[in-house]
N, C-alpha and C. Protein backbone atom coordinates (compact mmCIF):
# COMPACT_ATOMS: atom_id res chain seq x y z
N UNK A 1 129.52 -3.12 190.66
CA UNK A 1 129.11 -2.41 191.80
C UNK A 1 129.83 -1.23 191.78
N UNK A 2 128.88 -0.14 192.21
CA UNK A 2 129.61 1.13 192.33
C UNK A 2 130.44 1.34 193.59
N UNK A 3 131.57 2.15 193.40
CA UNK A 3 132.23 2.53 194.56
C UNK A 3 131.94 3.94 195.00
N UNK A 4 131.84 4.34 196.30
CA UNK A 4 131.90 5.77 196.67
C UNK A 4 132.94 6.50 196.36
N UNK A 5 132.69 7.65 195.81
CA UNK A 5 133.80 8.50 195.34
C UNK A 5 133.37 9.98 195.32
N UNK A 6 134.19 10.73 194.90
CA UNK A 6 133.71 12.17 194.80
C UNK A 6 133.11 12.36 193.66
N UNK A 7 133.34 11.44 192.46
CA UNK A 7 132.10 11.72 191.24
C UNK A 7 130.98 11.39 191.46
N UNK A 8 130.79 10.41 192.24
CA UNK A 8 129.34 9.93 192.49
C UNK A 8 128.73 10.63 193.58
N UNK A 9 129.33 11.37 194.43
CA UNK A 9 128.69 12.46 195.27
C UNK A 9 128.42 13.28 194.61
N UNK A 10 129.24 14.18 193.57
CA UNK A 10 128.88 15.33 192.82
C UNK A 10 127.56 14.82 191.97
N UNK A 11 127.59 13.75 191.31
CA UNK A 11 126.28 13.21 190.51
C UNK A 11 125.30 13.48 191.08
N UNK A 12 125.15 12.97 192.34
CA UNK A 12 124.06 12.74 193.09
C UNK A 12 123.59 14.05 193.65
N UNK A 13 124.42 14.91 194.03
CA UNK A 13 124.03 16.33 194.40
C UNK A 13 123.48 17.33 193.17
N UNK A 14 124.19 16.85 192.13
CA UNK A 14 123.51 17.70 190.76
C UNK A 14 122.34 17.11 190.61
N UNK A 15 121.81 15.74 190.46
CA UNK A 15 120.82 15.33 190.43
C UNK A 15 119.37 15.67 191.43
N UNK A 16 120.21 15.64 192.61
CA UNK A 16 119.28 16.36 193.76
C UNK A 16 118.71 17.99 193.45
N UNK A 17 119.78 18.68 193.11
CA UNK A 17 119.77 20.20 192.82
C UNK A 17 118.66 20.32 191.64
N UNK A 18 118.84 19.07 190.68
CA UNK A 18 118.31 19.62 189.19
C UNK A 18 116.60 19.33 189.60
N UNK A 19 116.25 18.18 190.17
CA UNK A 19 114.92 17.73 190.72
C UNK A 19 114.30 18.99 191.71
N UNK A 20 115.10 19.45 192.47
CA UNK A 20 114.73 20.65 193.19
C UNK A 20 114.25 21.87 192.45
N UNK A 21 115.13 22.15 191.52
CA UNK A 21 114.86 23.66 190.59
C UNK A 21 113.68 22.99 189.68
N UNK A 22 113.32 21.92 188.84
CA UNK A 22 112.51 21.48 188.03
C UNK A 22 111.09 21.55 188.94
N UNK A 23 111.02 21.08 190.32
CA UNK A 23 109.94 20.90 190.89
C UNK A 23 109.52 22.46 191.48
N UNK A 24 110.26 23.30 191.54
CA UNK A 24 110.25 24.53 192.04
C UNK A 24 109.44 25.46 190.73
N UNK A 25 109.98 24.96 189.29
CA UNK A 25 109.62 25.75 188.08
C UNK A 25 108.37 25.05 187.94
N UNK A 26 107.76 24.06 188.19
CA UNK A 26 106.48 23.57 187.84
C UNK A 26 105.58 24.13 188.79
N UNK A 27 106.11 24.26 190.30
CA UNK A 27 104.93 24.88 191.03
C UNK A 27 104.63 26.02 190.68
N UNK A 28 105.70 27.05 190.17
CA UNK A 28 105.31 28.18 190.12
C UNK A 28 104.49 28.38 188.56
N UNK A 29 104.60 27.36 187.68
CA UNK A 29 103.75 27.33 186.51
C UNK A 29 102.37 26.82 186.59
N UNK A 30 102.04 25.83 187.75
CA UNK A 30 101.02 25.34 187.79
C UNK A 30 100.15 25.84 189.14
N UNK A 31 100.76 26.57 190.09
CA UNK A 31 100.06 26.87 191.42
C UNK A 31 99.02 27.97 190.95
N UNK A 32 99.20 28.87 190.08
CA UNK A 32 97.86 29.97 190.29
C UNK A 32 96.76 29.13 189.53
N UNK A 33 97.06 28.08 188.72
CA UNK A 33 95.85 27.55 187.99
C UNK A 33 95.16 26.44 189.21
N UNK A 34 95.94 25.86 190.01
CA UNK A 34 95.54 25.08 190.81
C UNK A 34 94.69 26.02 192.10
N UNK A 35 95.12 27.12 192.36
CA UNK A 35 94.78 27.95 193.41
C UNK A 35 93.28 28.62 192.71
N UNK A 36 93.26 28.93 191.49
CA UNK A 36 91.99 29.62 190.79
C UNK A 36 90.97 28.07 191.14
N UNK A 37 91.27 27.02 190.50
CA UNK A 37 90.22 26.20 190.64
C UNK A 37 89.73 25.79 192.05
N UNK A 38 90.91 25.84 193.12
CA UNK A 38 90.18 25.60 194.59
C UNK A 38 89.37 27.06 194.96
N UNK A 39 89.63 28.15 194.70
CA UNK A 39 88.61 29.31 195.08
C UNK A 39 87.49 29.12 194.59
N UNK A 40 87.42 28.50 193.06
CA UNK A 40 86.01 28.46 192.30
C UNK A 40 85.14 27.43 192.87
N UNK A 41 85.88 26.36 193.24
CA UNK A 41 85.21 25.12 193.96
C UNK A 41 84.66 25.57 195.27
N UNK A 42 85.51 26.45 196.22
CA UNK A 42 84.64 26.82 197.35
C UNK A 42 83.62 27.89 197.08
N UNK A 43 83.87 28.73 196.08
CA UNK A 43 82.81 29.69 195.90
C UNK A 43 81.21 28.89 195.66
N UNK A 44 81.44 28.03 194.62
CA UNK A 44 80.37 27.26 194.35
C UNK A 44 79.55 26.61 195.72
N UNK A 45 80.70 25.75 196.59
CA UNK A 45 79.90 25.30 197.73
C UNK A 45 79.23 26.30 198.57
N UNK A 46 79.88 27.60 198.58
CA UNK A 46 79.17 28.35 199.76
C UNK A 46 78.08 28.94 198.94
N UNK A 47 78.06 29.08 197.65
CA UNK A 47 76.91 29.55 196.93
C UNK A 47 75.64 28.55 197.03
N UNK A 48 75.99 27.50 196.99
CA UNK A 48 75.01 26.52 197.06
C UNK A 48 74.30 26.58 198.55
N UNK A 49 75.25 26.47 199.57
CA UNK A 49 74.92 26.50 200.76
C UNK A 49 74.20 27.70 201.18
N UNK A 50 74.42 28.79 200.84
CA UNK A 50 73.73 30.16 200.72
C UNK A 50 72.10 30.05 200.33
N UNK A 51 72.11 29.49 199.04
CA UNK A 51 70.96 29.27 198.30
C UNK A 51 69.97 28.38 199.16
N UNK A 52 70.73 27.22 199.74
CA UNK A 52 69.68 26.36 200.30
C UNK A 52 69.26 26.90 201.95
N UNK A 53 69.98 28.09 202.33
CA UNK A 53 69.38 28.61 203.55
C UNK A 53 68.47 29.70 203.31
N UNK A 54 68.40 30.13 202.12
CA UNK A 54 67.31 31.32 201.95
C UNK A 54 65.97 30.75 202.00
N UNK A 55 65.24 31.83 202.78
CA UNK A 55 63.61 31.31 202.79
C UNK A 55 63.09 31.41 201.51
N UNK A 56 61.98 30.26 201.52
CA UNK A 56 61.44 30.06 200.14
C UNK A 56 60.74 31.36 199.49
N UNK A 57 60.44 31.78 198.49
CA UNK A 57 59.75 32.90 197.89
C UNK A 57 58.51 32.93 198.27
N UNK A 58 57.64 34.12 198.53
CA UNK A 58 56.51 34.45 198.67
C UNK A 58 55.84 34.75 197.48
N UNK A 59 54.66 34.07 197.41
CA UNK A 59 53.80 34.63 195.98
C UNK A 59 53.14 35.90 196.26
N UNK A 60 52.65 36.69 195.17
CA UNK A 60 52.17 37.70 195.45
C UNK A 60 50.62 37.70 195.90
N UNK A 61 50.57 38.33 196.93
CA UNK A 61 49.18 38.24 197.47
C UNK A 61 48.91 37.15 198.69
N UNK A 62 50.13 36.40 199.00
CA UNK A 62 50.10 35.56 200.26
C UNK A 62 50.47 36.10 201.38
N UNK A 63 49.97 35.94 202.46
CA UNK A 63 50.29 36.50 203.76
C UNK A 63 51.21 35.38 204.48
N UNK A 64 52.05 36.09 205.15
CA UNK A 64 53.11 35.26 205.81
C UNK A 64 53.09 35.75 206.83
N UNK A 65 53.04 35.17 208.18
CA UNK A 65 53.32 35.39 209.51
C UNK A 65 54.26 34.73 210.03
N UNK A 66 55.39 35.50 210.76
CA UNK A 66 56.28 34.98 211.41
C UNK A 66 56.10 35.05 212.85
N UNK A 67 56.53 34.11 213.61
CA UNK A 67 56.13 34.49 214.93
C UNK A 67 57.58 34.05 215.63
N UNK A 68 57.31 35.29 216.61
CA UNK A 68 58.85 35.23 217.46
C UNK A 68 58.93 34.42 218.50
N UNK A 69 59.89 33.60 218.90
CA UNK A 69 60.32 32.64 220.07
C UNK A 69 59.96 33.65 221.18
N UNK A 70 59.35 32.90 222.21
CA UNK A 70 59.12 32.97 223.46
C UNK A 70 60.43 33.27 224.16
N UNK A 71 60.45 34.53 224.84
CA UNK A 71 61.87 34.40 225.38
C UNK A 71 61.40 34.80 226.77
N UNK A 72 62.34 34.42 227.82
CA UNK A 72 62.01 35.06 229.35
C UNK A 72 62.76 36.27 229.58
N UNK A 73 61.99 37.31 229.80
CA UNK A 73 62.53 38.50 230.41
C UNK A 73 62.81 38.62 231.67
N UNK A 74 64.21 39.33 232.22
CA UNK A 74 64.11 39.32 233.56
C UNK A 74 65.31 38.58 233.71
N UNK A 75 65.72 38.35 235.33
CA UNK A 75 66.85 37.67 235.73
C UNK A 75 66.49 36.51 236.00
N UNK A 76 67.50 35.52 236.02
CA UNK A 76 67.18 34.18 236.55
C UNK A 76 67.42 34.05 238.13
N UNK A 77 66.32 33.82 239.00
CA UNK A 77 66.24 34.07 240.32
C UNK A 77 66.92 32.76 241.12
N UNK A 78 67.06 31.68 240.30
CA UNK A 78 67.75 30.32 240.93
C UNK A 78 69.18 30.41 241.00
N UNK A 79 69.72 31.56 240.65
CA UNK A 79 71.28 31.67 240.75
C UNK A 79 71.69 32.11 242.27
N UNK A 80 70.92 32.88 242.77
CA UNK A 80 71.41 33.18 244.22
C UNK A 80 71.38 34.77 244.19
N UNK A 81 72.18 35.41 245.49
CA UNK A 81 71.78 36.62 245.96
C UNK A 81 73.18 37.31 245.47
N UNK A 82 73.20 38.42 245.14
CA UNK A 82 74.86 39.26 244.94
C UNK A 82 74.77 39.95 246.09
N UNK A 83 76.24 39.66 246.67
CA UNK A 83 76.57 40.23 247.75
C UNK A 83 77.90 41.28 247.55
N UNK A 84 77.66 42.68 247.80
CA UNK A 84 78.89 43.41 247.60
C UNK A 84 79.80 43.27 248.69
N UNK A 85 81.40 43.46 248.53
CA UNK A 85 82.34 43.46 249.54
C UNK A 85 83.39 44.12 249.25
N UNK A 86 83.94 44.38 250.52
CA UNK A 86 85.07 45.45 250.33
C UNK A 86 86.56 44.78 250.79
N UNK A 87 87.52 45.14 249.85
CA UNK A 87 88.72 44.39 250.43
C UNK A 87 89.30 45.14 251.67
N UNK A 88 89.90 44.47 252.41
CA UNK A 88 90.48 45.06 253.59
C UNK A 88 92.05 44.94 253.55
N UNK A 89 92.64 45.84 253.62
CA UNK A 89 94.17 45.97 253.68
C UNK A 89 94.88 45.20 254.56
């Protein structure tokens, strides 16, 4: 069985520092590659979404009529009447 002592503490501290610096080195080494892959994946996703949302191509000589939706112009009379007021000091 191991006993607690200053050498075991220093050994544990050295292992923790070694793991930290190795992890930090590996992150610097692989982070650009992982970020590039993530950006490419997002570009593909948004490109696919954009292609799906485009209107279908119109053939030459074909007539296309787009109808505008019916809009109610004017104000909504069911809201009520506007009343001006003045503040009194």
